[in-house]
Amino acid sequence: MGIIIRLLITAFSLWIATILIDGIELTTDSNASKVLTLIVVAAIFGIINAVLRPIIKVVGCGLYILTLGLIALVVNGALFLLTSWIADQFDLPFHVANFWPSAVLGALIVSVVSWLLNMLVPDGGGDD
């Protein structure tokens, strides 16, 4: 159940990013289609983050240290742009126009909104 809740939180965060950032577009008219697209894109984003982020952190450990973690903004933007490209391959109506500022700011908004909403959701691993 926790995975579904986190998927919905990420989909909501993506929706917020489409509203706030001009270069992130959800080009469909139907509300049902928008919701389904956001859920699928959230799943793609989650899979990309689960698979690639640890590899990038290990390989780029020196850059993370050298830049005091600011390279994470670039990495998050690149992963967000990759999510857009994969969504395009599946003909989903979700598109990120460019790396700067759309992908970087979009990834930042998704991260912050997801973090805030995930703080409200209990982990389920508490003491019973």
Protein backbone atom coordinates (compact mmCIF):
# COMPACT_ATOMS: atom_id res chain seq x y z
CA MET A 1 0.00 0.00 0.00
CA GLY A 2 2.91 2.33 0.75
CA ILE A 3 4.22 2.08 -2.81
CA ILE A 4 0.85 3.10 -4.23
CA ILE A 5 0.64 6.08 -1.88
CA ARG A 6 4.16 7.19 -2.81
CA LEU A 7 3.34 6.75 -6.51
CA LEU A 8 0.28 8.98 -6.08
CA ILE A 9 2.37 11.54 -4.20
CA THR A 10 4.91 11.61 -7.03
CA ALA A 11 2.10 11.93 -9.60
CA PHE A 12 0.68 14.86 -7.64
CA SER A 13 4.15 16.43 -7.48
CA LEU A 14 4.51 16.06 -11.24
CA TRP A 15 1.13 17.75 -11.69
CA ILE A 16 2.29 20.67 -9.52
CA ALA A 17 5.43 20.94 -11.66
CA THR A 18 3.33 21.07 -14.85
CA ILE A 19 1.37 23.97 -13.36
CA LEU A 20 4.34 25.97 -12.09
CA ILE A 21 6.95 25.47 -14.85
CA ASP A 22 6.20 26.69 -18.38
CA GLY A 23 8.51 24.17 -20.09
CA ILE A 24 6.77 21.12 -18.59
CA GLU A 25 3.65 20.21 -20.51
CA LEU A 26 0.85 17.73 -20.05
CA THR A 27 -0.86 17.91 -23.44
CA THR A 28 -4.16 16.16 -23.06
CA ASP A 29 -7.64 17.52 -22.46
CA SER A 30 -9.31 14.70 -20.58
CA ASN A 31 -8.90 14.71 -16.80
CA ALA A 32 -8.86 10.92 -16.71
CA SER A 33 -6.10 10.88 -19.32
CA LYS A 34 -4.13 13.46 -17.31
CA VAL A 35 -4.37 11.39 -14.14
CA LEU A 36 -3.38 8.17 -15.91
CA THR A 37 -0.48 9.90 -17.67
CA LEU A 38 0.79 11.39 -14.41
CA ILE A 39 0.63 8.00 -12.68
CA VAL A 40 2.52 6.28 -15.51
CA VAL A 41 5.13 9.07 -15.65
CA ALA A 42 5.49 8.86 -11.85
CA ALA A 43 6.15 5.13 -12.18
CA ILE A 44 8.75 5.77 -14.90
CA PHE A 45 10.36 8.48 -12.74
CA GLY A 46 10.45 6.13 -9.75
CA ILE A 47 12.03 3.30 -11.72
CA ILE A 48 14.66 5.62 -13.21
CA ASN A 49 15.51 6.99 -9.77
CA ALA A 50 15.64 3.55 -8.20
CA VAL A 51 17.95 2.13 -10.88
CA LEU A 52 20.15 4.99 -12.05
CA ARG A 53 20.53 7.28 -9.03
CA PRO A 54 22.59 4.83 -6.92
CA ILE A 55 24.86 4.09 -9.88
CA ILE A 56 25.36 7.79 -10.57
CA LYS A 57 26.09 8.51 -6.91
CA VAL A 58 28.74 5.79 -6.74
CA VAL A 59 30.37 6.75 -10.03
CA GLY A 60 30.16 10.48 -9.38
CA CYS A 61 31.02 10.40 -5.69
CA GLY A 62 33.98 12.72 -6.22
CA LEU A 63 31.81 15.31 -7.97
CA TYR A 64 29.25 15.19 -5.16
CA ILE A 65 32.01 15.88 -2.64
CA LEU A 66 33.75 18.50 -4.80
CA THR A 67 30.55 20.47 -5.40
CA LEU A 68 29.19 19.93 -1.88
CA GLY A 69 26.21 18.10 -3.34
CA LEU A 70 25.16 20.76 -5.83
CA ILE A 71 25.80 18.34 -8.71
CA ALA A 72 22.64 16.61 -7.45
CA LEU A 73 20.62 19.42 -9.08
CA VAL A 74 22.20 18.59 -12.44
CA VAL A 75 21.70 14.85 -11.93
CA ASN A 76 18.05 15.32 -10.90
CA GLY A 77 17.43 17.54 -13.94
CA ALA A 78 19.03 14.98 -16.25
CA LEU A 79 16.95 12.15 -14.77
CA PHE A 80 13.82 14.28 -15.13
CA LEU A 81 14.68 14.95 -18.78
CA LEU A 82 15.28 11.21 -19.27
CA THR A 83 11.83 10.56 -17.80
CA SER A 84 10.36 12.93 -20.39
CA TRP A 85 12.21 11.16 -23.20
CA ILE A 86 11.00 7.72 -22.07
CA ALA A 87 7.44 9.05 -21.73
CA ASP A 88 7.74 10.31 -25.31
CA GLN A 89 8.83 6.84 -26.45
CA PHE A 90 5.57 5.48 -25.01
CA ASP A 91 3.58 8.31 -26.69
CA LEU A 92 2.55 9.77 -23.35
CA PRO A 93 1.46 13.43 -23.50
CA PHE A 94 4.14 14.55 -21.01
CA HIS A 95 7.04 16.67 -22.22
CA VAL A 96 9.88 18.63 -20.66
CA ALA A 97 11.08 21.29 -23.10
CA ASN A 98 14.72 21.75 -22.08
CA PHE A 99 17.31 21.04 -19.43
CA TRP A 100 17.59 24.55 -18.02
CA PRO A 101 15.42 25.77 -16.45
CA SER A 102 12.54 23.37 -17.09
CA ALA A 103 14.08 20.00 -16.14
CA VAL A 104 16.18 21.29 -13.25
CA LEU A 105 13.40 23.38 -11.70
CA GLY A 106 10.81 20.67 -12.39
CA ALA A 107 12.92 18.05 -10.66
CA LEU A 108 13.47 20.44 -7.76
CA ILE A 109 9.73 21.08 -7.41
CA VAL A 110 8.91 17.37 -7.63
CA SER A 111 11.55 16.61 -5.00
CA VAL A 112 10.39 19.28 -2.56
CA VAL A 113 6.66 18.59 -2.93
CA SER A 114 7.22 14.81 -2.69
CA TRP A 115 9.41 15.26 0.38
CA LEU A 116 6.81 17.45 2.11
CA LEU A 117 3.94 15.09 1.33
CA ASN A 118 5.96 11.98 2.25
CA MET A 119 6.59 13.52 5.66
CA LEU A 120 2.83 13.40 6.24
CA VAL A 121 2.59 9.70 5.34
CA PRO A 122 3.67 7.28 8.05
CA ASP A 123 6.39 4.76 7.14
CA GLY A 124 4.51 1.77 8.46
CA GLY A 125 7.68 0.55 10.15
CA GLY A 126 6.90 2.05 13.54
CA ASP A 127 6.83 0.28 16.87
CA ASP A 128 3.54 -1.51 17.51
